[in-house]
PDB file of N, CA and C in Angstrom:
ATOM      1  N   MET A   1     -28.052  44.918 -39.869  1.00  0.00           N
ATOM      2  CA  MET A   1     -28.327  44.573 -38.495  1.00  0.00           C
ATOM      3  C   MET A   1     -29.822  44.676 -38.251  1.00  0.00           C
ATOM      4  N   LYS A   2     -30.341  43.768 -37.475  1.00  0.00           N
ATOM      5  CA  LYS A   2     -31.767  43.723 -37.222  1.00  0.00           C
ATOM      6  C   LYS A   2     -32.023  43.902 -35.735  1.00  0.00           C
ATOM      7  N   GLU A   3     -32.875  44.832 -35.407  1.00  0.00           N
ATOM      8  CA  GLU A   3     -33.252  45.020 -34.005  1.00  0.00           C
ATOM      9  C   GLU A   3     -34.179  43.884 -33.597  1.00  0.00           C
ATOM     10  N   SER A   4     -34.023  43.428 -32.385  1.00  0.00           N
ATOM     11  CA  SER A   4     -34.873  42.388 -31.836  1.00  0.00           C
ATOM     12  C   SER A   4     -36.233  42.962 -31.491  1.00  0.00           C
ATOM     13  N   ASP A   5     -37.209  42.088 -31.260  1.00  0.00           N
ATOM     14  CA  ASP A   5     -38.522  42.521 -30.807  1.00  0.00           C
ATOM     15  C   ASP A   5     -38.457  43.051 -29.387  1.00  0.00           C
ATOM     16  N   ARG A   6     -37.446  42.685 -28.655  1.00  0.00           N
ATOM     17  CA  ARG A   6     -37.266  43.180 -27.287  1.00  0.00           C
ATOM     18  C   ARG A   6     -36.448  44.456 -27.326  1.00  0.00           C
ATOM     19  N   ASP A   7     -36.799  45.399 -26.475  1.00  0.00           N
ATOM     20  CA  ASP A   7     -36.114  46.690 -26.459  1.00  0.00           C
ATOM     21  C   ASP A   7     -34.728  46.624 -25.836  1.00  0.00           C
ATOM     22  N   ASP A   8     -34.455  45.587 -25.035  1.00  0.00           N
ATOM     23  CA  ASP A   8     -33.181  45.528 -24.329  1.00  0.00           C
ATOM     24  C   ASP A   8     -32.143  44.642 -25.016  1.00  0.00           C
ATOM     25  N   VAL A   9     -32.444  44.168 -26.233  1.00  0.00           N
ATOM     26  CA  VAL A   9     -31.554  43.254 -26.944  1.00  0.00           C
ATOM     27  C   VAL A   9     -31.314  43.765 -28.364  1.00  0.00           C
ATOM     28  N   ILE A  10     -30.082  43.649 -28.804  1.00  0.00           N
ATOM     29  CA  ILE A  10     -29.741  43.936 -30.198  1.00  0.00           C
ATOM     30  C   ILE A  10     -29.275  42.632 -30.826  1.00  0.00           C
ATOM     31  N   TYR A  11     -29.964  42.178 -31.866  1.00  0.00           N
ATOM     32  CA  TYR A  11     -29.587  40.971 -32.589  1.00  0.00           C
ATOM     33  C   TYR A  11     -28.659  41.348 -33.731  1.00  0.00           C
ATOM     34  N   ILE A  12     -27.570  40.605 -33.866  1.00  0.00           N
ATOM     35  CA  ILE A  12     -26.646  40.822 -34.980  1.00  0.00           C
ATOM     36  C   ILE A  12     -25.994  39.482 -35.338  1.00  0.00           C
ATOM     37  N   SER A  13     -25.860  39.216 -36.625  1.00  0.00           N
ATOM     38  CA  SER A  13     -25.169  37.985 -37.029  1.00  0.00           C
ATOM     39  C   SER A  13     -23.685  38.149 -36.734  1.00  0.00           C
ATOM     40  N   THR A  14     -23.007  37.046 -36.550  1.00  0.00           N
ATOM     41  CA  THR A  14     -21.568  37.100 -36.291  1.00  0.00           C
ATOM     42  C   THR A  14     -20.844  37.758 -37.457  1.00  0.00           C
ATOM     43  N   ARG A  15     -21.260  37.434 -38.671  1.00  0.00           N
ATOM     44  CA  ARG A  15     -20.622  38.023 -39.856  1.00  0.00           C
ATOM     45  C   ARG A  15     -20.741  39.549 -39.824  1.00  0.00           C
ATOM     46  N   ASP A  16     -21.941  40.080 -39.522  1.00  0.00           N
ATOM     47  CA  ASP A  16     -22.116  41.532 -39.441  1.00  0.00           C
ATOM     48  C   ASP A  16     -21.370  42.119 -38.250  1.00  0.00           C
ATOM     49  N   PHE A  17     -21.327  41.383 -37.146  1.00  0.00           N
ATOM     50  CA  PHE A  17     -20.610  41.900 -35.977  1.00  0.00           C
ATOM     51  C   PHE A  17     -19.118  42.004 -36.251  1.00  0.00           C
ATOM     52  N   ILE A  18     -18.571  41.041 -36.974  1.00  0.00           N
ATOM     53  CA  ILE A  18     -17.153  41.098 -37.341  1.00  0.00           C
ATOM     54  C   ILE A  18     -16.904  42.291 -38.259  1.00  0.00           C
ATOM     55  N   THR A  19     -17.821  42.532 -39.183  1.00  0.00           N
ATOM     56  CA  THR A  19     -17.647  43.599 -40.160  1.00  0.00           C
ATOM     57  C   THR A  19     -17.979  44.981 -39.597  1.00  0.00           C
ATOM     58  N   PHE A  20     -19.102  45.086 -38.861  1.00  0.00           N
ATOM     59  CA  PHE A  20     -19.608  46.393 -38.432  1.00  0.00           C
ATOM     60  C   PHE A  20     -19.744  46.561 -36.921  1.00  0.00           C
ATOM     61  N   GLY A  21     -19.502  45.515 -36.169  1.00  0.00           N
ATOM     62  CA  GLY A  21     -19.819  45.509 -34.748  1.00  0.00           C
ATOM     63  C   GLY A  21     -19.157  46.564 -33.905  1.00  0.00           C
ATOM     64  N   ASP A  22     -17.917  46.922 -34.227  1.00  0.00           N
ATOM     65  CA  ASP A  22     -17.226  47.898 -33.396  1.00  0.00           C
ATOM     66  C   ASP A  22     -17.752  49.314 -33.618  1.00  0.00           C
ATOM     67  N   LYS A  23     -18.619  49.491 -34.608  1.00  0.00           N
ATOM     68  CA  LYS A  23     -19.205  50.796 -34.882  1.00  0.00           C
ATOM     69  C   LYS A  23     -20.597  50.933 -34.257  1.00  0.00           C
ATOM     70  N   HIS A  24     -21.093  49.857 -33.698  1.00  0.00           N
ATOM     71  CA  HIS A  24     -22.461  49.820 -33.181  1.00  0.00           C
ATOM     72  C   HIS A  24     -22.505  50.320 -31.741  1.00  0.00           C
ATOM     73  N   LYS A  25     -23.475  51.117 -31.417  1.00  0.00           N
ATOM     74  CA  LYS A  25     -23.674  51.611 -30.054  1.00  0.00           C
ATOM     75  C   LYS A  25     -24.596  50.641 -29.313  1.00  0.00           C
ATOM     76  N   CYS A  26     -24.153  50.162 -28.162  1.00  0.00           N
ATOM     77  CA  CYS A  26     -24.947  49.210 -27.386  1.00  0.00           C
ATOM     78  C   CYS A  26     -25.941  49.913 -26.463  1.00  0.00           C
ATOM     79  N   ASP A  27     -25.549  51.064 -25.942  1.00  0.00           N
ATOM     80  CA  ASP A  27     -26.419  51.840 -25.049  1.00  0.00           C
ATOM     81  C   ASP A  27     -27.039  50.993 -23.947  1.00  0.00           C
ATOM     82  N   GLY A  28     -26.229  50.123 -23.342  1.00  0.00           N
ATOM     83  CA  GLY A  28     -26.708  49.303 -22.229  1.00  0.00           C
ATOM     84  C   GLY A  28     -27.522  48.087 -22.636  1.00  0.00           C
ATOM     85  N   LYS A  29     -27.707  47.880 -23.931  1.00  0.00           N
ATOM     86  CA  LYS A  29     -28.478  46.728 -24.398  1.00  0.00           C
ATOM     87  C   LYS A  29     -27.585  45.487 -24.447  1.00  0.00           C
ATOM     88  N   ILE A  30     -28.217  44.329 -24.453  1.00  0.00           N
ATOM     89  CA  ILE A  30     -27.502  43.058 -24.564  1.00  0.00           C
ATOM     90  C   ILE A  30     -27.338  42.734 -26.041  1.00  0.00           C
ATOM     91  N   LEU A  31     -26.124  42.460 -26.468  1.00  0.00           N
ATOM     92  CA  LEU A  31     -25.871  42.039 -27.846  1.00  0.00           C
ATOM     93  C   LEU A  31     -26.114  40.542 -27.960  1.00  0.00           C
ATOM     94  N   PHE A  32     -26.917  40.129 -28.927  1.00  0.00           N
ATOM     95  CA  PHE A  32     -27.079  38.710 -29.230  1.00  0.00           C
ATOM     96  C   PHE A  32     -26.371  38.484 -30.552  1.00  0.00           C
ATOM     97  N   ILE A  33     -25.177  37.891 -30.469  1.00  0.00           N
ATOM     98  CA  ILE A  33     -24.337  37.651 -31.640  1.00  0.00           C
ATOM     99  C   ILE A  33     -24.583  36.204 -32.074  1.00  0.00           C
ATOM    100  N   ASP A  34     -25.205  36.050 -33.216  1.00  0.00           N
ATOM    101  CA  ASP A  34     -25.694  34.744 -33.644  1.00  0.00           C
ATOM    102  C   ASP A  34     -24.862  34.160 -34.778  1.00  0.00           C
ATOM    103  N   GLY A  35     -24.554  32.876 -34.675  1.00  0.00           N
ATOM    104  CA  GLY A  35     -23.986  32.136 -35.791  1.00  0.00           C
ATOM    105  C   GLY A  35     -22.471  32.118 -35.895  1.00  0.00           C
ATOM    106  N   LEU A  36     -21.759  32.056 -34.759  1.00  0.00           N
ATOM    107  CA  LEU A  36     -20.302  31.935 -34.823  1.00  0.00           C
ATOM    108  C   LEU A  36     -19.906  30.732 -35.667  1.00  0.00           C
ATOM    109  N   ASP A  37     -20.643  29.645 -35.544  1.00  0.00           N
ATOM    110  CA  ASP A  37     -20.346  28.425 -36.289  1.00  0.00           C
ATOM    111  C   ASP A  37     -20.417  28.639 -37.798  1.00  0.00           C
ATOM    112  N   GLU A  38     -21.334  29.489 -38.246  1.00  0.00           N
ATOM    113  CA  GLU A  38     -21.473  29.717 -39.692  1.00  0.00           C
ATOM    114  C   GLU A  38     -20.263  30.442 -40.252  1.00  0.00           C
ATOM    115  N   VAL A  39     -19.684  31.338 -39.473  1.00  0.00           N
ATOM    116  CA  VAL A  39     -18.480  32.049 -39.913  1.00  0.00           C
ATOM    117  C   VAL A  39     -17.265  31.127 -39.828  1.00  0.00           C
ATOM    118  N   ARG A  40     -17.217  30.342 -38.779  1.00  0.00           N
ATOM    119  CA  ARG A  40     -16.071  29.429 -38.609  1.00  0.00           C
ATOM    120  C   ARG A  40     -16.014  28.383 -39.705  1.00  0.00           C
ATOM    121  N   SER A  41     -17.169  27.847 -40.089  1.00  0.00           N
ATOM    122  CA  SER A  41     -17.174  26.760 -41.063  1.00  0.00           C
ATOM    123  C   SER A  41     -16.697  27.205 -42.438  1.00  0.00           C
ATOM    124  N   GLY A  42     -16.829  28.491 -42.768  1.00  0.00           N
ATOM    125  CA  GLY A  42     -16.388  28.978 -44.067  1.00  0.00           C
ATOM    126  C   GLY A  42     -15.015  29.617 -44.045  1.00  0.00           C
ATOM    127  N   SER A  43     -14.287  29.447 -42.948  1.00  0.00           N
ATOM    128  CA  SER A  43     -13.008  30.127 -42.782  1.00  0.00           C
ATOM    129  C   SER A  43     -11.847  29.147 -42.850  1.00  0.00           C
ATOM    130  N   THR A  44     -10.722  29.630 -43.346  1.00  0.00           N
ATOM    131  CA  THR A  44      -9.519  28.788 -43.343  1.00  0.00           C
ATOM    132  C   THR A  44      -8.880  28.758 -41.958  1.00  0.00           C
ATOM    133  N   ASN A  45      -9.147  29.782 -41.137  1.00  0.00           N
ATOM    134  CA  ASN A  45      -8.653  29.831 -39.770  1.00  0.00           C
ATOM    135  C   ASN A  45      -9.838  30.089 -38.853  1.00  0.00           C
ATOM    136  N   ALA A  46     -10.420  29.030 -38.309  1.00  0.00           N
ATOM    137  CA  ALA A  46     -11.641  29.142 -37.510  1.00  0.00           C
ATOM    138  C   ALA A  46     -11.466  30.019 -36.281  1.00  0.00           C
ATOM    139  N   GLN A  47     -10.252  30.078 -35.732  1.00  0.00           N
ATOM    140  CA  GLN A  47     -10.032  30.876 -34.528  1.00  0.00           C
ATOM    141  C   GLN A  47     -10.031  32.366 -34.826  1.00  0.00           C
ATOM    142  N   SER A  48      -9.669  32.764 -36.044  1.00  0.00           N
ATOM    143  CA  SER A  48      -9.584  34.187 -36.365  1.00  0.00           C
ATOM    144  C   SER A  48     -10.939  34.874 -36.245  1.00  0.00           C
ATOM    145  N   SER A  49     -12.029  34.201 -36.603  1.00  0.00           N
ATOM    146  CA  SER A  49     -13.357  34.814 -36.469  1.00  0.00           C
ATOM    147  C   SER A  49     -13.677  35.063 -34.998  1.00  0.00           C
ATOM    148  N   PHE A  50     -13.296  34.157 -34.139  1.00  0.00           N
ATOM    149  CA  PHE A  50     -13.508  34.331 -32.706  1.00  0.00           C
ATOM    150  C   PHE A  50     -12.674  35.507 -32.189  1.00  0.00           C
ATOM    151  N   ASP A  51     -11.454  35.629 -32.698  1.00  0.00           N
ATOM    152  CA  ASP A  51     -10.589  36.751 -32.313  1.00  0.00           C
ATOM    153  C   ASP A  51     -11.202  38.083 -32.719  1.00  0.00           C
ATOM    154  N   LEU A  52     -11.810  38.153 -33.887  1.00  0.00           N
ATOM    155  CA  LEU A  52     -12.435  39.386 -34.355  1.00  0.00           C
ATOM    156  C   LEU A  52     -13.660  39.742 -33.510  1.00  0.00           C
ATOM    157  N   VAL A  53     -14.445  38.741 -33.137  1.00  0.00           N
ATOM    158  CA  VAL A  53     -15.594  38.986 -32.253  1.00  0.00           C
ATOM    159  C   VAL A  53     -15.088  39.523 -30.921  1.00  0.00           C
ATOM    160  N   SER A  54     -14.085  38.886 -30.356  1.00  0.00           N
ATOM    161  CA  SER A  54     -13.525  39.321 -29.072  1.00  0.00           C
ATOM    162  C   SER A  54     -12.995  40.741 -29.156  1.00  0.00           C
ATOM    163  N   SER A  55     -12.288  41.038 -30.226  1.00  0.00           N
ATOM    164  CA  SER A  55     -11.715  42.370 -30.411  1.00  0.00           C
ATOM    165  C   SER A  55     -12.812  43.434 -30.483  1.00  0.00           C
ATOM    166  N   ASN A  56     -13.877  43.161 -31.228  1.00  0.00           N
ATOM    167  CA  ASN A  56     -14.975  44.122 -31.334  1.00  0.00           C
ATOM    168  C   ASN A  56     -15.694  44.301 -29.999  1.00  0.00           C
ATOM    169  N   LEU A  57     -15.829  43.228 -29.231  1.00  0.00           N
ATOM    170  CA  LEU A  57     -16.441  43.355 -27.905  1.00  0.00           C
ATOM    171  C   LEU A  57     -15.593  44.260 -27.016  1.00  0.00           C
ATOM    172  N   GLU A  58     -14.287  44.097 -27.099  1.00  0.00           N
ATOM    173  CA  GLU A  58     -13.391  44.957 -26.309  1.00  0.00           C
ATOM    174  C   GLU A  58     -13.500  46.417 -26.749  1.00  0.00           C
ATOM    175  N   LYS A  59     -13.561  46.647 -28.049  1.00  0.00           N
ATOM    176  CA  LYS A  59     -13.686  48.017 -28.568  1.00  0.00           C
ATOM    177  C   LYS A  59     -14.982  48.677 -28.097  1.00  0.00           C
ATOM    178  N   LEU A  60     -16.019  47.869 -27.889  1.00  0.00           N
ATOM    179  CA  LEU A  60     -17.303  48.401 -27.429  1.00  0.00           C
ATOM    180  C   LEU A  60     -17.353  48.543 -25.908  1.00  0.00           C
ATOM    181  N   GLY A  61     -16.262  48.230 -25.240  1.00  0.00           N
ATOM    182  CA  GLY A  61     -16.230  48.353 -23.785  1.00  0.00           C
ATOM    183  C   GLY A  61     -16.779  47.135 -23.069  1.00  0.00           C
ATOM    184  N   CYS A  62     -16.731  45.986 -23.712  1.00  0.00           N
ATOM    185  CA  CYS A  62     -17.174  44.707 -23.132  1.00  0.00           C
ATOM    186  C   CYS A  62     -18.624  44.772 -22.642  1.00  0.00           C
ATOM    187  N   PRO A  63     -19.570  45.036 -23.562  1.00  0.00           N
ATOM    188  CA  PRO A  63     -20.983  45.064 -23.163  1.00  0.00           C
ATOM    189  C   PRO A  63     -21.479  43.667 -22.815  1.00  0.00           C
ATOM    190  N   LYS A  64     -22.667  43.598 -22.228  1.00  0.00           N
ATOM    191  CA  LYS A  64     -23.296  42.290 -22.011  1.00  0.00           C
ATOM    192  C   LYS A  64     -23.596  41.694 -23.382  1.00  0.00           C
ATOM    193  N   PHE A  65     -23.360  40.390 -23.512  1.00  0.00           N
ATOM    194  CA  PHE A  65     -23.592  39.758 -24.807  1.00  0.00           C
ATOM    195  C   PHE A  65     -23.940  38.286 -24.637  1.00  0.00           C
ATOM    196  N   ARG A  66     -24.522  37.745 -25.685  1.00  0.00           N
ATOM    197  CA  ARG A  66     -24.759  36.314 -25.829  1.00  0.00           C
ATOM    198  C   ARG A  66     -24.155  35.951 -27.178  1.00  0.00           C
ATOM    199  N   LEU A  67     -23.487  34.826 -27.237  1.00  0.00           N
ATOM    200  CA  LEU A  67     -22.844  34.370 -28.465  1.00  0.00           C
ATOM    201  C   LEU A  67     -23.325  32.963 -28.751  1.00  0.00           C
ATOM    202  N   SER A  68     -23.937  32.764 -29.917  1.00  0.00           N
ATOM    203  CA  SER A  68     -24.436  31.422 -30.234  1.00  0.00           C
ATOM    204  C   SER A  68     -23.489  30.722 -31.204  1.00  0.00           C
ATOM    205  N   CYS A  69     -23.389  29.402 -31.000  1.00  0.00           N
ATOM    206  CA  CYS A  69     -22.507  28.575 -31.819  1.00  0.00           C
ATOM    207  C   CYS A  69     -22.956  27.123 -31.686  1.00  0.00           C
ATOM    208  N   ARG A  70     -22.981  26.405 -32.796  1.00  0.00           N
ATOM    209  CA  ARG A  70     -23.283  24.973 -32.705  1.00  0.00           C
ATOM    210  C   ARG A  70     -22.185  24.299 -31.900  1.00  0.00           C
ATOM    211  N   GLU A  71     -22.581  23.312 -31.144  1.00  0.00           N
ATOM    212  CA  GLU A  71     -21.639  22.631 -30.256  1.00  0.00           C
ATOM    213  C   GLU A  71     -20.439  22.054 -31.013  1.00  0.00           C
ATOM    214  N   ALA A  72     -20.675  21.547 -32.217  1.00  0.00           N
ATOM    215  CA  ALA A  72     -19.587  20.940 -32.996  1.00  0.00           C
ATOM    216  C   ALA A  72     -18.511  21.956 -33.383  1.00  0.00           C
ATOM    217  N   ASP A  73     -18.886  23.238 -33.443  1.00  0.00           N
ATOM    218  CA  ASP A  73     -17.935  24.278 -33.829  1.00  0.00           C
ATOM    219  C   ASP A  73     -17.442  25.108 -32.649  1.00  0.00           C
ATOM    220  N   TRP A  74     -17.846  24.747 -31.459  1.00  0.00           N
ATOM    221  CA  TRP A  74     -17.394  25.422 -30.245  1.00  0.00           C
ATOM    222  C   TRP A  74     -16.117  24.733 -29.795  1.00  0.00           C
ATOM    223  N   PHE A  75     -15.064  25.494 -29.522  1.00  0.00           N
ATOM    224  CA  PHE A  75     -13.782  24.905 -29.172  1.00  0.00           C
ATOM    225  C   PHE A  75     -13.634  24.689 -27.670  1.00  0.00           C
ATOM    226  N   GLY A  76     -14.758  24.520 -27.006  1.00  0.00           N
ATOM    227  CA  GLY A  76     -14.777  24.145 -25.601  1.00  0.00           C
ATOM    228  C   GLY A  76     -13.967  25.035 -24.695  1.00  0.00           C
ATOM    229  N   LYS A  77     -13.067  24.427 -23.958  1.00  0.00           N
ATOM    230  CA  LYS A  77     -12.291  25.134 -22.945  1.00  0.00           C
ATOM    231  C   LYS A  77     -11.492  26.296 -23.543  1.00  0.00           C
ATOM    232  N   GLU A  78     -10.963  26.120 -24.735  1.00  0.00           N
ATOM    233  CA  GLU A  78     -10.178  27.188 -25.369  1.00  0.00           C
ATOM    234  C   GLU A  78     -11.030  28.439 -25.591  1.00  0.00           C
ATOM    235  N   ASP A  79     -12.219  28.272 -26.175  1.00  0.00           N
ATOM    236  CA  ASP A  79     -13.114  29.416 -26.379  1.00  0.00           C
ATOM    237  C   ASP A  79     -13.555  29.996 -25.043  1.00  0.00           C
ATOM    238  N   PHE A  80     -13.901  29.129 -24.122  1.00  0.00           N
ATOM    239  CA  PHE A  80     -14.377  29.550 -22.808  1.00  0.00           C
ATOM    240  C   PHE A  80     -13.331  30.412 -22.098  1.00  0.00           C
ATOM    241  N   GLU A  81     -12.094  29.974 -22.082  1.00  0.00           N
ATOM    242  CA  GLU A  81     -11.025  30.709 -21.415  1.00  0.00           C
ATOM    243  C   GLU A  81     -10.742  32.047 -22.099  1.00  0.00           C
ATOM    244  N   ARG A  82     -10.834  32.071 -23.408  1.00  0.00           N
ATOM    245  CA  ARG A  82     -10.606  33.323 -24.140  1.00  0.00           C
ATOM    246  C   ARG A  82     -11.700  34.334 -23.843  1.00  0.00           C
ATOM    247  N   LEU A  83     -12.941  33.864 -23.733  1.00  0.00           N
ATOM    248  CA  LEU A  83     -14.042  34.771 -23.392  1.00  0.00           C
ATOM    249  C   LEU A  83     -13.868  35.350 -21.992  1.00  0.00           C
ATOM    250  N   LYS A  84     -13.399  34.529 -21.071  1.00  0.00           N
ATOM    251  CA  LYS A  84     -13.204  35.002 -19.696  1.00  0.00           C
ATOM    252  C   LYS A  84     -12.248  36.192 -19.635  1.00  0.00           C
ATOM    253  N   GLN A  85     -11.334  36.280 -20.589  1.00  0.00           N
ATOM    254  CA  GLN A  85     -10.358  37.363 -20.599  1.00  0.00           C
ATOM    255  C   GLN A  85     -10.976  38.713 -20.959  1.00  0.00           C
ATOM    256  N   ILE A  86     -12.089  38.709 -21.671  1.00  0.00           N
ATOM    257  CA  ILE A  86     -12.682  39.989 -22.071  1.00  0.00           C
ATOM    258  C   ILE A  86     -13.914  40.372 -21.264  1.00  0.00           C
ATOM    259  N   VAL A  87     -14.417  39.471 -20.456  1.00  0.00           N
ATOM    260  CA  VAL A  87     -15.583  39.780 -19.627  1.00  0.00           C
ATOM    261  C   VAL A  87     -15.079  40.464 -18.358  1.00  0.00           C
ATOM    262  N   PRO A  88     -15.650  41.640 -18.033  1.00  0.00           N
ATOM    263  CA  PRO A  88     -15.111  42.423 -16.910  1.00  0.00           C
ATOM    264  C   PRO A  88     -14.876  41.647 -15.614  1.00  0.00           C
ATOM    265  N   ASP A  89     -15.818  40.811 -15.197  1.00  0.00           N
ATOM    266  CA  ASP A  89     -15.608  40.086 -13.936  1.00  0.00           C
ATOM    267  C   ASP A  89     -15.100  38.669 -14.158  1.00  0.00           C
ATOM    268  N   GLY A  90     -14.838  38.294 -15.417  1.00  0.00           N
ATOM    269  CA  GLY A  90     -14.298  36.977 -15.727  1.00  0.00           C
ATOM    270  C   GLY A  90     -15.290  35.836 -15.599  1.00  0.00           C
ATOM    271  N   THR A  91     -16.574  36.155 -15.419  1.00  0.00           N
ATOM    272  CA  THR A  91     -17.594  35.132 -15.272  1.00  0.00           C
ATOM    273  C   THR A  91     -18.290  34.885 -16.600  1.00  0.00           C
ATOM    274  N   VAL A  92     -18.185  33.669 -17.096  1.00  0.00           N
ATOM    275  CA  VAL A  92     -18.812  33.283 -18.358  1.00  0.00           C
ATOM    276  C   VAL A  92     -19.661  32.051 -18.100  1.00  0.00           C
ATOM    277  N   SER A  93     -20.870  32.052 -18.620  1.00  0.00           N
ATOM    278  CA  SER A  93     -21.747  30.883 -18.513  1.00  0.00           C
ATOM    279  C   SER A  93     -21.861  30.243 -19.884  1.00  0.00           C
ATOM    280  N   GLU A  94     -21.715  28.946 -19.917  1.00  0.00           N
ATOM    281  CA  GLU A  94     -21.868  28.186 -21.155  1.00  0.00           C
ATOM    282  C   GLU A  94     -23.152  27.379 -21.038  1.00  0.00           C
ATOM    283  N   LEU A  95     -24.073  27.600 -21.968  1.00  0.00           N
ATOM    284  CA  LEU A  95     -25.357  26.914 -21.941  1.00  0.00           C
ATOM    285  C   LEU A  95     -25.478  26.017 -23.161  1.00  0.00           C
ATOM    286  N   ASN A  96     -26.096  24.874 -22.971  1.00  0.00           N
ATOM    287  CA  ASN A  96     -26.342  23.946 -24.072  1.00  0.00           C
ATOM    288  C   ASN A  96     -27.835  23.766 -24.231  1.00  0.00           C
ATOM    289  N   LEU A  97     -28.291  23.755 -25.480  1.00  0.00           N
ATOM    290  CA  LEU A  97     -29.700  23.506 -25.757  1.00  0.00           C
ATOM    291  C   LEU A  97     -29.916  22.012 -25.946  1.00  0.00           C
ATOM    292  N   ASP A  98     -30.961  21.500 -25.350  1.00  0.00           N
ATOM    293  CA  ASP A  98     -31.330  20.109 -25.565  1.00  0.00           C
ATOM    294  C   ASP A  98     -32.117  19.999 -26.862  1.00  0.00           C
ATOM    295  N   PRO A  99     -32.055  18.848 -27.515  1.00  0.00           N
ATOM    296  CA  PRO A  99     -32.848  18.671 -28.730  1.00  0.00           C
ATOM    297  C   PRO A  99     -34.338  18.836 -28.415  1.00  0.00           C
ATOM    298  N   LEU A 100     -35.064  19.366 -29.377  1.00  0.00           N
ATOM    299  CA  LEU A 100     -36.500  19.535 -29.236  1.00  0.00           C
ATOM    300  C   LEU A 100     -37.177  18.184 -29.431  1.00  0.00           C
ATOM    301  N   PRO A 101     -37.995  17.751 -28.459  1.00  0.00           N
ATOM    302  CA  PRO A 101     -38.677  16.460 -28.614  1.00  0.00           C
ATOM    303  C   PRO A 101     -39.615  16.476 -29.825  1.00  0.00           C
ATOM    304  N   GLU A 102     -39.723  15.335 -30.512  1.00  0.00           N
ATOM    305  CA  GLU A 102     -40.541  15.256 -31.717  1.00  0.00           C
ATOM    306  C   GLU A 102     -41.976  15.700 -31.481  1.00  0.00           C
ATOM    307  N   GLN A 103     -42.538  15.411 -30.303  1.00  0.00           N
ATOM    308  CA  GLN A 103     -43.924  15.799 -30.039  1.00  0.00           C
ATOM    309  C   GLN A 103     -44.107  17.313 -29.976  1.00  0.00           C
ATOM    310  N   ASN A 104     -43.020  18.059 -29.873  1.00  0.00           N
ATOM    311  CA  ASN A 104     -43.099  19.521 -29.830  1.00  0.00           C
ATOM    312  C   ASN A 104     -42.808  20.177 -31.173  1.00  0.00           C
ATOM    313  N   LEU A 105     -42.541  19.358 -32.199  1.00  0.00           N
ATOM    314  CA  LEU A 105     -42.260  19.888 -33.526  1.00  0.00           C
ATOM    315  C   LEU A 105     -43.544  20.192 -34.279  1.00  0.00           C
ATOM    316  N   ILE A 106     -43.524  21.259 -35.005  1.00  0.00           N
ATOM    317  CA  ILE A 106     -44.645  21.605 -35.875  1.00  0.00           C
ATOM    318  C   ILE A 106     -44.089  21.654 -37.295  1.00  0.00           C
ATOM    319  N   VAL A 107     -44.671  20.886 -38.179  1.00  0.00           N
ATOM    320  CA  VAL A 107     -44.205  20.840 -39.563  1.00  0.00           C
ATOM    321  C   VAL A 107     -45.061  21.789 -40.381  1.00  0.00           C
ATOM    322  N   LEU A 108     -44.392  22.734 -41.058  1.00  0.00           N
ATOM    323  CA  LEU A 108     -45.092  23.679 -41.919  1.00  0.00           C
ATOM    324  C   LEU A 108     -44.856  23.293 -43.370  1.00  0.00           C
ATOM    325  N   ASN A 109     -45.888  23.326 -44.156  1.00  0.00           N
ATOM    326  CA  ASN A 109     -45.742  22.981 -45.594  1.00  0.00           C
ATOM    327  C   ASN A 109     -45.745  24.228 -46.415  1.00  0.00           C
TER     328      ASN A 109
END
């Protein structure tokens, strides 16, 4: 697990969160769980990884979190409704990133 540069955020990959997440202390910090799509794409049951993330969030007392996933691997309404069940007030925001315009790209060699 890697601590973020920000003091109020804990960065963790989805794979590590599934494996170790329920043992992690949040201490009021926001969990940034990255790469749900990477775990789903290598799984025979894509929904099971989401279930494990949800279960670990519940075990941690439903802390504040952000979950990243490529749009192609996000199950839309199904994932959204399942998340609402574990968030204390049932409020979930779904955000989409727009593609980065070519003029804003920097190519490193």
